[in-house]
Amino acid sequence: MNILDTIVKRKLEEVVARKRTASESDLLRSSAIERQGLSLSAFIIDKKKSGIIAEFKRKSPTKPNIHLHADVNKVTKAYERAGASATSILTDIDFFGGSDDDVKKARIALNIPILRKDFVIDPYQVIEAKSIGADAILLIAEILTKAEIKSLSSLAISLGMEVLMEIHSADQLKKYHETIRNIGVNNRNLKTFITDIQYSKDIYPMLPSDTVKISESGIDDPNVVLDLIKTGYQGFLIGECFMKTEDPGQCCSEFIDRINELR
């Protein structure tokens, strides 16, 4: 069993347990359900912003100590000040050290979209994302069928959220549904966790023309961002590059400043 299979197996167990704690009806009574969400796609393509989705991540399956004691409020607010278009917050507990509380805390202070990054396999998690203040959810094509992506994305949109559909191979594009505004190409193979930026370049011509295109993972150099912009990408999900430093917000600020200098 590879890493992704292990995570999904655990996620199935987690969702069952969460449903026992709070029903969908309970979640729908959250005050956040009525909140007007921020558009992830609009913030990414805004010419006055950087296009960067700066990620908050404490650890990963292959790196158990990226920044275990990071303060979500301090880091994400610094990301916003640095010029990030949005922030991505890992909420998986067991493998990434996150929690729903991280999104709730960040939502209070931020004026940029929050992507709730988790392994969504059930409609319950979509409602849960809205109830904690997320503006967008991640749908990973590798772990979902085309019908599941259509159903989950339709639910998210009905709740006022956007979807970022993440692919790892060209054949997964057949799972795309036209209501999805954002397509992410993950440069990291989720089965081996090996990254290669060239993958984003190779697959770009195959991406749906009317989507916001985002390159994810392994981006640690402003020159790489400029190269991806030339390819046609509008968004760049960057996390470990920032989070592995003592001051992720400052690192993000210097990264964006460098991009602006090089342009």
C-alpha atoms as a PDB file:
ATOM      1  CA  MET A   1       0.000   0.000   0.000  1.00  0.00           C
ATOM      2  CA  ASN A   2       1.469   3.382  -1.052  1.00  0.00           C
ATOM      3  CA  ILE A   3       1.298   6.631   0.950  1.00  0.00           C
ATOM      4  CA  LEU A   4      -1.805   7.909  -0.821  1.00  0.00           C
ATOM      5  CA  ASP A   5      -3.697   4.659  -0.286  1.00  0.00           C
ATOM      6  CA  THR A   6      -2.770   4.753   3.398  1.00  0.00           C
ATOM      7  CA  ILE A   7      -4.021   8.318   3.762  1.00  0.00           C
ATOM      8  CA  VAL A   8      -7.331   7.588   2.007  1.00  0.00           C
ATOM      9  CA  LYS A   9      -7.901   4.491   4.135  1.00  0.00           C
ATOM     10  CA  ARG A  10      -7.424   6.549   7.280  1.00  0.00           C
ATOM     11  CA  LYS A  11      -9.603   9.353   5.891  1.00  0.00           C
ATOM     12  CA  LEU A  12     -12.513   6.946   5.402  1.00  0.00           C
ATOM     13  CA  GLU A  13     -12.276   5.997   9.067  1.00  0.00           C
ATOM     14  CA  GLU A  14     -11.988   9.640  10.117  1.00  0.00           C
ATOM     15  CA  VAL A  15     -15.110  10.720   8.223  1.00  0.00           C
ATOM     16  CA  VAL A  16     -17.171   7.972   9.844  1.00  0.00           C
ATOM     17  CA  ALA A  17     -16.012   9.136  13.275  1.00  0.00           C
ATOM     18  CA  ARG A  18     -16.698  12.808  12.507  1.00  0.00           C
ATOM     19  CA  LYS A  19     -20.237  12.060  11.404  1.00  0.00           C
ATOM     20  CA  ARG A  20     -20.890  10.578  14.829  1.00  0.00           C
ATOM     21  CA  THR A  21     -19.675  13.779  16.486  1.00  0.00           C
ATOM     22  CA  ALA A  22     -21.550  16.286  14.295  1.00  0.00           C
ATOM     23  CA  SER A  23     -24.209  15.581  11.677  1.00  0.00           C
ATOM     24  CA  GLU A  24     -24.496  17.422   8.354  1.00  0.00           C
ATOM     25  CA  SER A  25     -27.480  19.258   9.859  1.00  0.00           C
ATOM     26  CA  ASP A  26     -25.253  20.410  12.716  1.00  0.00           C
ATOM     27  CA  LEU A  27     -22.655  21.695  10.280  1.00  0.00           C
ATOM     28  CA  LEU A  28     -25.272  23.552   8.238  1.00  0.00           C
ATOM     29  CA  ARG A  29     -26.241  25.528  11.347  1.00  0.00           C
ATOM     30  CA  SER A  30     -22.778  27.087  11.502  1.00  0.00           C
ATOM     31  CA  SER A  31     -22.745  30.868  11.034  1.00  0.00           C
ATOM     32  CA  ALA A  32     -20.058  30.404   8.379  1.00  0.00           C
ATOM     33  CA  ILE A  33     -22.555  28.713   6.059  1.00  0.00           C
ATOM     34  CA  GLU A  34     -24.135  32.100   5.250  1.00  0.00           C
ATOM     35  CA  ARG A  35     -20.808  33.867   4.776  1.00  0.00           C
ATOM     36  CA  GLN A  36     -20.103  35.231   1.289  1.00  0.00           C
ATOM     37  CA  GLY A  37     -17.040  33.384   0.081  1.00  0.00           C
ATOM     38  CA  LEU A  38     -14.021  34.936  -1.627  1.00  0.00           C
ATOM     39  CA  SER A  39     -13.260  33.801  -5.174  1.00  0.00           C
ATOM     40  CA  LEU A  40     -10.011  31.844  -5.368  1.00  0.00           C
ATOM     41  CA  SER A  41      -9.848  32.213  -9.147  1.00  0.00           C
ATOM     42  CA  ALA A  42     -10.481  35.969  -9.063  1.00  0.00           C
ATOM     43  CA  PHE A  43      -7.758  36.562  -6.481  1.00  0.00           C
ATOM     44  CA  ILE A  44      -5.264  34.458  -8.436  1.00  0.00           C
ATOM     45  CA  ILE A  45      -5.737  36.270 -11.741  1.00  0.00           C
ATOM     46  CA  ASP A  46      -5.866  39.735 -10.134  1.00  0.00           C
ATOM     47  CA  LYS A  47      -2.956  41.574 -11.762  1.00  0.00           C
ATOM     48  CA  LYS A  48      -2.296  43.487  -8.538  1.00  0.00           C
ATOM     49  CA  LYS A  49      -1.554  40.236  -6.709  1.00  0.00           C
ATOM     50  CA  SER A  50       1.185  37.622  -6.989  1.00  0.00           C
ATOM     51  CA  GLY A  51      -0.776  34.525  -8.005  1.00  0.00           C
ATOM     52  CA  ILE A  52       0.849  32.644  -5.156  1.00  0.00           C
ATOM     53  CA  ILE A  53      -1.203  30.367  -2.912  1.00  0.00           C
ATOM     54  CA  ALA A  54       0.999  30.293   0.174  1.00  0.00           C
ATOM     55  CA  GLU A  55       0.524  27.097   2.130  1.00  0.00           C
ATOM     56  CA  PHE A  56       0.427  26.495   5.862  1.00  0.00           C
ATOM     57  CA  LYS A  57       1.762  23.011   6.579  1.00  0.00           C
ATOM     58  CA  ARG A  58       3.389  21.704   9.755  1.00  0.00           C
ATOM     59  CA  LYS A  59       4.581  18.331   8.452  1.00  0.00           C
ATOM     60  CA  SER A  60       4.107  15.769   5.676  1.00  0.00           C
ATOM     61  CA  PRO A  61       4.353  11.976   5.432  1.00  0.00           C
ATOM     62  CA  THR A  62       7.944  12.212   4.223  1.00  0.00           C
ATOM     63  CA  LYS A  63       8.985  15.197   6.363  1.00  0.00           C
ATOM     64  CA  PRO A  64       7.668  14.859   9.929  1.00  0.00           C
ATOM     65  CA  ASN A  65       9.094  18.149  11.177  1.00  0.00           C
ATOM     66  CA  ILE A  66       8.683  20.994   8.694  1.00  0.00           C
ATOM     67  CA  HIS A  67       7.440  23.545  11.250  1.00  0.00           C
ATOM     68  CA  LEU A  68       5.523  21.661  13.933  1.00  0.00           C
ATOM     69  CA  HIS A  69       4.797  24.576  16.245  1.00  0.00           C
ATOM     70  CA  ALA A  70       3.960  27.240  13.669  1.00  0.00           C
ATOM     71  CA  ASP A  71       1.180  29.697  14.590  1.00  0.00           C
ATOM     72  CA  VAL A  72      -1.471  29.668  11.869  1.00  0.00           C
ATOM     73  CA  ASN A  73      -2.626  33.243  12.555  1.00  0.00           C
ATOM     74  CA  LYS A  74       0.867  34.690  12.520  1.00  0.00           C
ATOM     75  CA  VAL A  75       1.973  32.826   9.407  1.00  0.00           C
ATOM     76  CA  THR A  76      -1.105  33.264   7.219  1.00  0.00           C
ATOM     77  CA  LYS A  77      -1.511  36.944   8.088  1.00  0.00           C
ATOM     78  CA  ALA A  78       2.131  37.454   7.163  1.00  0.00           C
ATOM     79  CA  TYR A  79       1.451  35.665   3.885  1.00  0.00           C
ATOM     80  CA  GLU A  80      -1.347  38.122   3.171  1.00  0.00           C
ATOM     81  CA  ARG A  81       0.877  41.115   3.969  1.00  0.00           C
ATOM     82  CA  ALA A  82       3.561  39.650   1.708  1.00  0.00           C
ATOM     83  CA  GLY A  83       1.180  39.721  -1.241  1.00  0.00           C
ATOM     84  CA  ALA A  84      -0.047  36.134  -1.466  1.00  0.00           C
ATOM     85  CA  SER A  85      -3.245  35.811  -3.501  1.00  0.00           C
ATOM     86  CA  ALA A  86      -4.587  33.102  -1.205  1.00  0.00           C
ATOM     87  CA  THR A  87      -3.539  30.669   1.472  1.00  0.00           C
ATOM     88  CA  SER A  88      -3.853  26.909   1.540  1.00  0.00           C
ATOM     89  CA  ILE A  89      -4.284  25.300   4.954  1.00  0.00           C
ATOM     90  CA  LEU A  90      -3.735  21.586   5.524  1.00  0.00           C
ATOM     91  CA  THR A  91      -6.430  20.243   7.839  1.00  0.00           C
ATOM     92  CA  ASP A  92      -5.433  16.562   7.850  1.00  0.00           C
ATOM     93  CA  ILE A  93      -4.424  15.640  11.390  1.00  0.00           C
ATOM     94  CA  ASP A  94      -2.555  12.351  11.201  1.00  0.00           C
ATOM     95  CA  PHE A  95      -0.267  12.929   8.232  1.00  0.00           C
ATOM     96  CA  PHE A  96       0.086  16.726   8.037  1.00  0.00           C
ATOM     97  CA  GLY A  97      -0.440  17.906  11.611  1.00  0.00           C
ATOM     98  CA  GLY A  98      -3.340  20.197  10.706  1.00  0.00           C
ATOM     99  CA  SER A  99      -6.830  20.755  12.052  1.00  0.00           C
ATOM    100  CA  ASP A 100     -10.105  22.445  11.206  1.00  0.00           C
ATOM    101  CA  ASP A 101      -9.338  24.950  13.962  1.00  0.00           C
ATOM    102  CA  ASP A 102      -6.479  26.267  11.843  1.00  0.00           C
ATOM    103  CA  VAL A 103      -8.961  27.364   9.166  1.00  0.00           C
ATOM    104  CA  LYS A 104     -11.351  28.807  11.749  1.00  0.00           C
ATOM    105  CA  LYS A 105      -8.589  30.865  13.373  1.00  0.00           C
ATOM    106  CA  ALA A 106      -7.149  32.107  10.083  1.00  0.00           C
ATOM    107  CA  ARG A 107     -10.567  33.053   8.676  1.00  0.00           C
ATOM    108  CA  ILE A 108     -11.133  35.622  11.425  1.00  0.00           C
ATOM    109  CA  ALA A 109      -8.126  37.722  10.425  1.00  0.00           C
ATOM    110  CA  LEU A 110      -7.679  37.145   6.681  1.00  0.00           C
ATOM    111  CA  ASN A 111      -9.031  39.045   3.698  1.00  0.00           C
ATOM    112  CA  ILE A 112      -7.762  36.579   1.096  1.00  0.00           C
ATOM    113  CA  PRO A 113      -9.316  33.220   0.127  1.00  0.00           C
ATOM    114  CA  ILE A 114      -8.609  30.096   2.143  1.00  0.00           C
ATOM    115  CA  LEU A 115      -8.227  26.784   0.341  1.00  0.00           C
ATOM    116  CA  ARG A 116      -9.049  23.970   2.717  1.00  0.00           C
ATOM    117  CA  LYS A 117      -6.544  21.327   1.654  1.00  0.00           C
ATOM    118  CA  ASP A 118      -7.497  17.805   2.623  1.00  0.00           C
ATOM    119  CA  PHE A 119      -8.337  14.457   1.082  1.00  0.00           C
ATOM    120  CA  VAL A 120     -12.005  14.964   0.242  1.00  0.00           C
ATOM    121  CA  ILE A 121     -13.867  11.715  -0.408  1.00  0.00           C
ATOM    122  CA  ASP A 122     -17.329  12.412   1.025  1.00  0.00           C
ATOM    123  CA  PRO A 123     -19.973  15.188   0.707  1.00  0.00           C
ATOM    124  CA  TYR A 124     -19.765  15.581   4.483  1.00  0.00           C
ATOM    125  CA  GLN A 125     -16.266  17.055   4.117  1.00  0.00           C
ATOM    126  CA  VAL A 126     -17.497  19.633   1.605  1.00  0.00           C
ATOM    127  CA  ILE A 127     -20.137  20.898   4.028  1.00  0.00           C
ATOM    128  CA  GLU A 128     -17.551  20.748   6.793  1.00  0.00           C
ATOM    129  CA  ALA A 129     -15.196  22.952   4.767  1.00  0.00           C
ATOM    130  CA  LYS A 130     -17.869  25.619   4.354  1.00  0.00           C
ATOM    131  CA  SER A 131     -18.807  25.412   8.034  1.00  0.00           C
ATOM    132  CA  ILE A 132     -15.264  26.226   9.160  1.00  0.00           C
ATOM    133  CA  GLY A 133     -14.850  29.209   6.817  1.00  0.00           C
ATOM    134  CA  ALA A 134     -13.106  27.832   3.732  1.00  0.00           C
ATOM    135  CA  ASP A 135     -13.549  29.580   0.385  1.00  0.00           C
ATOM    136  CA  ALA A 136     -12.408  26.657  -1.746  1.00  0.00           C
ATOM    137  CA  ILE A 137     -11.770  22.944  -1.504  1.00  0.00           C
ATOM    138  CA  LEU A 138      -9.273  20.608  -3.107  1.00  0.00           C
ATOM    139  CA  LEU A 139     -10.519  17.614  -5.100  1.00  0.00           C
ATOM    140  CA  ILE A 140      -7.772  15.131  -5.950  1.00  0.00           C
ATOM    141  CA  ALA A 141      -8.582  13.389  -9.231  1.00  0.00           C
ATOM    142  CA  GLU A 142      -6.388  10.429  -8.355  1.00  0.00           C
ATOM    143  CA  ILE A 143      -8.669   9.336  -5.500  1.00  0.00           C
ATOM    144  CA  LEU A 144     -12.056  10.210  -7.035  1.00  0.00           C
ATOM    145  CA  THR A 145     -14.164   9.052  -9.965  1.00  0.00           C
ATOM    146  CA  LYS A 146     -15.511  11.442 -12.579  1.00  0.00           C
ATOM    147  CA  ALA A 147     -19.010  11.100 -11.064  1.00  0.00           C
ATOM    148  CA  GLU A 148     -17.685  11.844  -7.577  1.00  0.00           C
ATOM    149  CA  ILE A 149     -15.852  14.944  -8.773  1.00  0.00           C
ATOM    150  CA  LYS A 150     -19.002  16.208 -10.505  1.00  0.00           C
ATOM    151  CA  SER A 151     -21.130  15.591  -7.410  1.00  0.00           C
ATOM    152  CA  LEU A 152     -18.653  17.038  -4.895  1.00  0.00           C
ATOM    153  CA  SER A 153     -17.858  20.096  -7.020  1.00  0.00           C
ATOM    154  CA  SER A 154     -21.561  20.801  -7.592  1.00  0.00           C
ATOM    155  CA  LEU A 155     -22.153  20.659  -3.845  1.00  0.00           C
ATOM    156  CA  ALA A 156     -19.222  22.987  -3.158  1.00  0.00           C
ATOM    157  CA  ILE A 157     -20.447  25.510  -5.713  1.00  0.00           C
ATOM    158  CA  SER A 158     -23.982  25.375  -4.302  1.00  0.00           C
ATOM    159  CA  LEU A 159     -22.493  26.330  -0.936  1.00  0.00           C
ATOM    160  CA  GLY A 160     -20.646  29.300  -2.415  1.00  0.00           C
ATOM    161  CA  MET A 161     -17.199  27.763  -2.630  1.00  0.00           C
ATOM    162  CA  GLU A 162     -14.843  27.172  -5.542  1.00  0.00           C
ATOM    163  CA  VAL A 163     -13.019  23.954  -6.395  1.00  0.00           C
ATOM    164  CA  LEU A 164      -9.391  23.308  -7.209  1.00  0.00           C
ATOM    165  CA  MET A 165      -9.205  19.995  -9.065  1.00  0.00           C
ATOM    166  CA  GLU A 166      -5.749  18.497  -8.776  1.00  0.00           C
ATOM    167  CA  ILE A 167      -4.374  16.152 -11.395  1.00  0.00           C
ATOM    168  CA  HIS A 168      -1.252  14.008 -11.566  1.00  0.00           C
ATOM    169  CA  SER A 169      -1.576  12.611 -15.086  1.00  0.00           C
ATOM    170  CA  ALA A 170      -3.096  13.684 -18.390  1.00  0.00           C
ATOM    171  CA  ASP A 171      -5.677  10.899 -18.382  1.00  0.00           C
ATOM    172  CA  GLN A 172      -7.193  12.378 -15.211  1.00  0.00           C
ATOM    173  CA  LEU A 173      -8.366  15.380 -17.231  1.00  0.00           C
ATOM    174  CA  LYS A 174     -11.288  13.261 -18.423  1.00  0.00           C
ATOM    175  CA  LYS A 175     -12.649  13.633 -14.880  1.00  0.00           C
ATOM    176  CA  TYR A 176     -12.881  17.412 -15.256  1.00  0.00           C
ATOM    177  CA  HIS A 177     -16.320  19.015 -14.945  1.00  0.00           C
ATOM    178  CA  GLU A 178     -17.023  22.362 -16.610  1.00  0.00           C
ATOM    179  CA  THR A 179     -18.189  24.017 -13.368  1.00  0.00           C
ATOM    180  CA  ILE A 180     -14.658  23.749 -11.965  1.00  0.00           C
ATOM    181  CA  ARG A 181     -12.774  27.047 -12.271  1.00  0.00           C
ATOM    182  CA  ASN A 182      -9.317  25.971 -11.120  1.00  0.00           C
ATOM    183  CA  ILE A 183      -7.058  23.160 -12.348  1.00  0.00           C
ATOM    184  CA  GLY A 184      -3.950  22.278 -10.361  1.00  0.00           C
ATOM    185  CA  VAL A 185      -1.060  20.233 -11.718  1.00  0.00           C
ATOM    186  CA  ASN A 186       0.793  18.575  -8.869  1.00  0.00           C
ATOM    187  CA  ASN A 187       4.475  18.217  -9.661  1.00  0.00           C
ATOM    188  CA  ARG A 188       4.725  15.708  -6.823  1.00  0.00           C
ATOM    189  CA  ASN A 189       3.804  12.109  -7.500  1.00  0.00           C
ATOM    190  CA  LEU A 190       1.541  11.275  -4.552  1.00  0.00           C
ATOM    191  CA  LYS A 191       2.542   7.626  -4.712  1.00  0.00           C
ATOM    192  CA  THR A 192       6.298   8.193  -4.598  1.00  0.00           C
ATOM    193  CA  PHE A 193       6.425  11.851  -3.406  1.00  0.00           C
ATOM    194  CA  ILE A 194       9.072  12.614  -6.061  1.00  0.00           C
ATOM    195  CA  THR A 195       8.713  16.114  -7.596  1.00  0.00           C
ATOM    196  CA  ASP A 196       9.511  17.362 -11.093  1.00  0.00           C
ATOM    197  CA  ILE A 197       8.552  20.886 -12.290  1.00  0.00           C
ATOM    198  CA  GLN A 198       8.863  19.779 -15.910  1.00  0.00           C
ATOM    199  CA  TYR A 199       5.603  17.910 -15.455  1.00  0.00           C
ATOM    200  CA  SER A 200       3.638  21.182 -15.271  1.00  0.00           C
ATOM    201  CA  LYS A 201       5.188  22.325 -18.554  1.00  0.00           C
ATOM    202  CA  ASP A 202       4.542  19.059 -20.355  1.00  0.00           C
ATOM    203  CA  ILE A 203       0.872  18.835 -19.416  1.00  0.00           C
ATOM    204  CA  TYR A 204      -0.021  22.520 -19.854  1.00  0.00           C
ATOM    205  CA  PRO A 205      -1.191  22.290 -23.515  1.00  0.00           C
ATOM    206  CA  MET A 206      -3.757  19.673 -22.497  1.00  0.00           C
ATOM    207  CA  LEU A 207      -5.430  21.737 -19.751  1.00  0.00           C
ATOM    208  CA  PRO A 208      -8.962  23.145 -20.293  1.00  0.00           C
ATOM    209  CA  SER A 209      -8.588  26.604 -21.851  1.00  0.00           C
ATOM    210  CA  ASP A 210     -11.190  28.357 -19.695  1.00  0.00           C
ATOM    211  CA  THR A 211      -9.709  27.388 -16.319  1.00  0.00           C
ATOM    212  CA  VAL A 212      -7.293  29.130 -13.968  1.00  0.00           C
ATOM    213  CA  LYS A 213      -4.147  27.021 -14.150  1.00  0.00           C
ATOM    214  CA  ILE A 214      -2.087  26.392 -11.038  1.00  0.00           C
ATOM    215  CA  SER A 215       1.253  24.621 -10.657  1.00  0.00           C
ATOM    216  CA  GLU A 216       1.685  22.898  -7.319  1.00  0.00           C
ATOM    217  CA  SER A 217       4.594  21.510  -5.269  1.00  0.00           C
ATOM    218  CA  GLY A 218       8.354  21.681  -5.593  1.00  0.00           C
ATOM    219  CA  ILE A 219       8.451  25.406  -6.417  1.00  0.00           C
ATOM    220  CA  ASP A 220      11.348  26.943  -4.471  1.00  0.00           C
ATOM    221  CA  ASP A 221      12.871  29.500  -6.852  1.00  0.00           C
ATOM    222  CA  PRO A 222      11.370  32.778  -8.162  1.00  0.00           C
ATOM    223  CA  ASN A 223      12.939  32.001 -11.549  1.00  0.00           C
ATOM    224  CA  VAL A 224      10.833  28.830 -11.714  1.00  0.00           C
ATOM    225  CA  VAL A 225       7.694  30.911 -11.174  1.00  0.00           C
ATOM    226  CA  LEU A 226       8.688  33.232 -14.032  1.00  0.00           C
ATOM    227  CA  ASP A 227       9.311  30.222 -16.254  1.00  0.00           C
ATOM    228  CA  LEU A 228       5.886  28.811 -15.384  1.00  0.00           C
ATOM    229  CA  ILE A 229       4.279  32.201 -16.098  1.00  0.00           C
ATOM    230  CA  LYS A 230       5.829  32.069 -19.574  1.00  0.00           C
ATOM    231  CA  THR A 231       4.325  28.612 -19.970  1.00  0.00           C
ATOM    232  CA  GLY A 232       0.916  30.089 -19.145  1.00  0.00           C
ATOM    233  CA  TYR A 233       0.353  29.314 -15.468  1.00  0.00           C
ATOM    234  CA  GLN A 234      -1.447  31.915 -13.374  1.00  0.00           C
ATOM    235  CA  GLY A 235      -1.244  30.375  -9.915  1.00  0.00           C
ATOM    236  CA  PHE A 236       1.528  28.757  -7.887  1.00  0.00           C
ATOM    237  CA  LEU A 237       0.929  26.727  -4.754  1.00  0.00           C
ATOM    238  CA  ILE A 238       4.007  27.023  -2.549  1.00  0.00           C
ATOM    239  CA  GLY A 239       4.332  25.704   0.970  1.00  0.00           C
ATOM    240  CA  GLU A 240       7.408  23.841   2.079  1.00  0.00           C
ATOM    241  CA  CYS A 241       9.731  26.476   0.619  1.00  0.00           C
ATOM    242  CA  PHE A 242       8.243  28.955   3.098  1.00  0.00           C
ATOM    243  CA  MET A 243       7.266  26.703   5.995  1.00  0.00           C
ATOM    244  CA  LYS A 244      10.691  25.116   6.454  1.00  0.00           C
ATOM    245  CA  THR A 245      12.151  28.512   7.380  1.00  0.00           C
ATOM    246  CA  GLU A 246      12.109  30.182  10.785  1.00  0.00           C
ATOM    247  CA  ASP A 247       9.856  32.977   9.471  1.00  0.00           C
ATOM    248  CA  PRO A 248       7.583  31.687   6.661  1.00  0.00           C
ATOM    249  CA  GLY A 249       5.922  35.071   6.161  1.00  0.00           C
ATOM    250  CA  GLN A 250       9.214  36.874   5.691  1.00  0.00           C
ATOM    251  CA  CYS A 251      10.407  34.171   3.313  1.00  0.00           C
ATOM    252  CA  CYS A 252       7.199  34.558   1.292  1.00  0.00           C
ATOM    253  CA  SER A 253       7.656  38.327   1.185  1.00  0.00           C
ATOM    254  CA  GLU A 254      11.243  38.053  -0.064  1.00  0.00           C
ATOM    255  CA  PHE A 255      10.177  35.442  -2.632  1.00  0.00           C
ATOM    256  CA  ILE A 256       7.437  37.670  -4.058  1.00  0.00           C
ATOM    257  CA  ASP A 257       9.705  40.736  -4.011  1.00  0.00           C
ATOM    258  CA  ARG A 258      12.283  38.787  -6.003  1.00  0.00           C
ATOM    259  CA  ILE A 259       9.669  37.780  -8.588  1.00  0.00           C
ATOM    260  CA  ASN A 260       8.704  41.423  -8.992  1.00  0.00           C
ATOM    261  CA  GLU A 261      12.355  42.426  -9.402  1.00  0.00           C
ATOM    262  CA  LEU A 262      12.952  39.798 -12.082  1.00  0.00           C
ATOM    263  CA  ARG A 263       9.871  40.655 -14.119  1.00  0.00           C
END
